[in-house]
Protein backbone atom coordinates (compact mmCIF):
# COMPACT_ATOMS: atom_id res chain seq x y z
CA MET A 1 20.84 -24.08 1.75
CA PRO A 2 18.98 -24.11 -1.54
CA ILE A 3 18.57 -27.87 -1.68
CA ILE A 4 16.11 -28.02 1.23
CA ARG A 5 14.07 -25.06 -0.01
CA ASP A 6 10.98 -25.60 -2.06
CA PRO A 7 11.07 -23.55 -5.32
CA GLU A 8 7.28 -23.30 -5.46
CA LEU A 9 7.12 -22.13 -1.86
CA ASP A 10 9.84 -19.57 -2.56
CA ARG A 11 7.91 -18.29 -5.56
CA LEU A 12 4.70 -17.98 -3.58
CA LEU A 13 6.42 -16.27 -0.65
CA THR A 14 8.09 -13.79 -3.03
CA ALA A 15 4.79 -13.06 -4.76
CA HIS A 16 3.06 -12.73 -1.40
CA GLU A 17 5.64 -10.23 -0.12
CA ALA A 18 5.60 -8.22 -3.36
CA ALA A 19 1.80 -8.02 -3.32
CA TRP A 20 1.81 -6.99 0.34
CA ASN A 21 4.36 -4.21 -0.28
CA ALA A 22 2.40 -2.98 -3.31
CA LYS A 23 -0.75 -2.98 -1.20
CA LEU A 24 0.94 -0.86 1.49
CA VAL A 25 2.26 1.64 -1.08
CA ALA A 26 -1.17 1.94 -2.71
CA GLU A 27 -2.86 2.45 0.66
CA LYS A 28 -0.35 5.15 1.62
CA LYS A 29 -0.83 6.97 -1.69
CA SER A 30 -4.61 6.72 -1.49
CA ASN A 31 -4.66 7.98 2.09
CA GLY A 32 -2.35 10.85 1.13
CA PHE A 33 -4.62 11.93 -1.71
CA ALA A 34 -7.66 11.65 0.56
CA ALA A 35 -6.02 14.00 3.08
CA VAL A 36 -5.19 16.53 0.34
CA VAL A 37 -8.74 16.38 -1.02
CA ALA A 38 -10.16 16.95 2.45
CA VAL A 39 -8.00 20.05 2.95
CA ILE A 40 -8.85 21.53 -0.45
CA ALA A 41 -12.55 20.76 -0.10
CA GLN A 42 -12.62 22.44 3.31
CA GLU A 43 -10.82 25.48 1.89
CA LEU A 44 -13.25 25.69 -1.01
CA ARG A 45 -16.29 25.33 1.25
CA SER A 46 -15.06 27.97 3.68
CA SER A 47 -14.15 30.44 0.92
CA ARG A 48 -17.06 29.76 -1.45
CA GLY A 49 -19.38 32.22 0.26
CA SER A 50 -16.80 34.98 0.53
CA TYR A 51 -15.75 34.49 -3.11
CA ARG A 52 -19.35 34.72 -4.28
CA ILE A 53 -20.20 37.79 -2.20
CA GLU A 54 -17.01 39.71 -3.00
CA ILE A 55 -17.18 38.95 -6.73
CA ARG A 56 -20.81 40.07 -6.86
CA GLU A 57 -20.08 43.26 -4.93
CA LEU A 58 -17.09 44.11 -7.14
CA SER A 59 -19.14 43.45 -10.28
CA GLU A 60 -21.88 45.77 -9.03
CA GLU A 61 -19.36 48.48 -8.12
CA VAL A 62 -17.65 48.22 -11.52
CA GLY A 63 -21.00 48.56 -13.23
CA ARG A 64 -21.89 51.59 -11.11
CA LEU A 65 -18.59 53.37 -11.85
CA GLN A 66 -18.88 52.66 -15.57
CA ARG A 67 -22.40 54.11 -15.63
CA GLU A 68 -21.27 57.22 -13.80
CA ALA A 69 -18.33 57.61 -16.18
CA ARG A 70 -20.66 57.51 -19.18
CA ARG A 71 -22.97 60.02 -17.54
CA ASN A 72 -20.08 62.36 -16.69
CA SER A 73 -18.80 62.06 -20.23
CA ARG A 74 -22.19 63.04 -21.65
CA TYR A 75 -22.44 66.07 -19.35
CA GLY A 76 -19.02 67.48 -20.18
CA ALA A 77 -16.90 66.14 -17.34
CA PRO A 78 -14.32 63.99 -19.14
CA ARG A 79 -11.75 64.17 -16.31
CA VAL A 80 -14.23 62.85 -13.79
CA ALA A 81 -15.31 60.18 -16.28
CA LYS A 82 -11.68 59.12 -16.80
CA LYS A 83 -11.13 58.89 -13.06
CA LYS A 84 -14.25 56.76 -12.65
CA LEU A 85 -13.14 54.42 -15.44
CA ALA A 86 -9.70 54.06 -13.85
CA GLU A 87 -11.32 53.09 -10.54
CA ALA A 88 -13.60 50.66 -12.38
CA ASP A 89 -10.61 49.07 -14.14
CA LYS A 90 -8.82 48.47 -10.80
CA LEU A 91 -11.91 46.90 -9.29
CA LEU A 92 -12.47 44.83 -12.42
CA GLU A 93 -8.92 43.48 -12.21
CA ARG A 94 -9.48 42.63 -8.56
CA ARG A 95 -12.74 40.86 -9.47
CA ASN A 96 -11.03 38.91 -12.26
CA CYS A 97 -8.22 37.84 -9.89
CA LEU A 98 -10.79 36.49 -7.45
CA VAL A 99 -12.54 34.58 -10.24
CA ARG A 100 -9.24 33.04 -11.37
CA GLU A 101 -8.32 32.16 -7.80
CA ARG A 102 -11.71 30.52 -7.25
CA ASP A 103 -11.41 28.59 -10.51
CA VAL A 104 -7.89 27.39 -9.64
CA VAL A 105 -9.16 25.99 -6.33
CA ARG A 106 -12.05 24.28 -8.12
CA LEU A 107 -9.72 22.82 -10.76
CA LEU A 108 -7.29 21.64 -8.11
CA LEU A 109 -10.10 19.94 -6.23
CA GLU A 110 -11.37 18.28 -9.40
CA SER A 111 -7.93 17.02 -10.48
CA THR A 112 -7.12 15.80 -6.97
CA ASN A 113 -10.44 13.98 -6.81
CA GLN A 114 -9.59 12.28 -10.09
CA ALA A 115 -6.17 11.32 -8.74
CA LEU A 116 -7.82 9.99 -5.60
CA GLN A 117 -10.21 7.92 -7.69
CA ARG A 118 -7.32 6.43 -9.67
CA ALA A 119 -5.39 5.76 -6.46
CA ASP A 120 -8.42 4.02 -4.97
CA GLU A 121 -8.71 1.88 -8.10
CA VAL A 122 -5.03 0.91 -7.85
CA ARG A 123 -5.52 0.25 -4.14
CA ALA A 124 -8.42 -2.08 -4.89
CA VAL A 125 -6.39 -3.93 -7.53
CA CYS A 126 -3.44 -4.34 -5.14
CA GLN A 127 -5.79 -5.56 -2.42
CA ARG A 128 -7.23 -8.19 -4.76
CA GLU A 129 -3.76 -9.26 -5.94
CA TRP A 130 -2.59 -9.65 -2.35
CA GLU A 131 -5.71 -11.66 -1.49
CA VAL A 132 -5.02 -13.95 -4.45
CA ALA A 133 -1.33 -14.35 -3.48
CA HIS A 134 -2.31 -15.01 0.13
CA ALA A 135 -4.93 -17.57 -0.88
CA GLU A 136 -2.44 -19.36 -3.19
CA LEU A 137 0.14 -19.49 -0.42
CA GLU A 138 -2.34 -20.85 2.11
CA SER A 139 -3.63 -23.37 -0.41
CA PHE A 140 -0.08 -24.54 -1.11
CA LYS A 141 0.59 -24.92 2.61
CA GLN A 142 -2.56 -26.98 3.00
CA ARG A 143 -1.76 -29.18 0.01
CA ARG A 144 1.79 -29.83 1.05
CA LYS A 145 1.24 -29.51 4.80
CA ILE A 146 4.07 -27.00 4.77
CA ARG A 147 5.23 -25.90 8.22
CA PRO A 148 7.00 -22.54 8.38
CA SER A 149 9.99 -23.55 10.50
CA LEU A 150 13.38 -24.44 9.11
CA ALA A 151 13.37 -27.50 11.36
CA ALA A 152 10.25 -28.82 9.63
CA LEU A 153 11.79 -28.25 6.21
CA ILE A 154 14.94 -30.08 7.26
CA MET A 155 12.98 -33.03 8.62
CA ASP A 156 10.79 -33.18 5.51
CA SER A 157 13.90 -33.13 3.30
CA ALA A 158 15.57 -35.84 5.37
CA GLY A 159 12.46 -38.02 5.28
CA VAL A 160 11.78 -38.09 9.01
CA PRO A 161 8.34 -39.68 9.51
CA VAL A 162 5.70 -37.07 10.36
CA ALA A 163 4.66 -39.06 13.44
CA HIS A 164 8.13 -38.52 14.97
CA GLN A 165 8.70 -34.88 14.01
CA ASN A 166 7.13 -33.24 17.06
CA ASP A 167 9.59 -34.75 19.53
CA ALA A 168 12.65 -34.77 17.25
CA LEU A 169 15.91 -33.07 18.21
CA ILE A 170 18.09 -31.45 15.53
CA LYS A 171 21.72 -30.55 15.98
CA HIS A 172 23.93 -28.81 13.42
CA ARG A 173 27.51 -30.04 13.25
CA ASP A 174 30.16 -29.78 10.51
CA GLY A 175 27.65 -28.42 7.98
CA LYS A 176 25.27 -31.33 8.48
CA TYR A 177 22.04 -31.79 10.43
CA HIS A 178 21.86 -34.63 12.94
CA ILE A 179 18.24 -35.55 13.59
CA TYR A 180 17.35 -37.74 16.57
CA PHE A 181 13.77 -39.02 16.82
CA GLY A 182 11.43 -41.80 17.82
CA GLY A 183 13.14 -42.77 21.09
CA LYS A 184 11.33 -44.24 24.07
CA GLY A 185 9.68 -41.46 26.07
CA GLU A 186 11.37 -38.70 24.02
CA GLY A 187 13.01 -38.12 20.68
CA VAL A 188 16.50 -38.96 21.95
CA GLY A 189 15.34 -41.69 24.30
CA PRO A 190 16.44 -45.32 24.11
CA GLY A 191 16.03 -46.88 20.68
CA HIS A 192 15.88 -43.52 18.92
CA GLY A 193 16.47 -43.10 15.21
CA HIS A 194 19.32 -41.03 13.83
CA PHE A 195 19.50 -39.33 10.42
CA VAL A 196 22.39 -37.19 9.24
CA PHE A 197 21.22 -34.85 6.49
CA ASN A 198 23.64 -33.04 4.15
CA PRO A 199 21.89 -29.90 2.84
CA LEU A 200 24.50 -29.33 0.14
CA HIS A 201 23.64 -32.61 -1.55
CA GLY A 202 20.04 -32.78 -0.40
CA LYS A 203 20.28 -36.30 0.97
CA ASN A 204 21.06 -38.29 4.08
CA VAL A 205 24.60 -39.52 4.60
CA TYR A 206 23.54 -41.69 7.52
CA THR A 207 20.22 -43.30 8.32
CA ARG A 208 19.18 -45.35 11.34
CA MET A 209 15.51 -45.93 12.01
CA PRO A 210 14.15 -46.14 15.58
CA THR A 211 14.16 -49.58 17.18
CA VAL A 212 11.45 -48.82 19.75
CA GLY A 213 8.64 -51.32 19.41
CA GLU A 214 10.73 -53.86 17.56
CA SER A 215 10.74 -57.37 19.06
């Protein structure tokens, strides 16, 4: 029934819903990044000590083997020197793998932190946009005294006096709304008014005001 809908209210409700959905998506993404950062940070903290110790020990062992290889080479033991260098090369490769692994974890933590920061910024923007949309909607409702029910929209469109809307009775028949209001003791009491509102044309096809109180 587009005739009884308010285009401005529709626009504000659509904007409000879109802002709310964007806010939820941003919050979910931000929370997801935060969880990933927490896991990576914990992994880095727990492995930082072992990385440092093992890399240092491997570096020292590589240095020792290389020194022994040079000494063996000087004293005429080339086979022993070659064996020592081969051992040193294996340990050096192991050390370099640990360094790369440590650096990958650090880089992952840094990039995830950056992603989290961007997600938090988007989250803050979406929060502000939703607050603005919510404030505009509430302001519109206050200005127009908009009530959320369809019944209120129908009565407003039909021109039922606000003073009689609380006790009004609405019945839907043959595509039209029959509104009874203002009767003695109740909306449909003696002397009640009767409007018949056609939503397709946006106007009343029958109007009878209440006679209660008339002399």
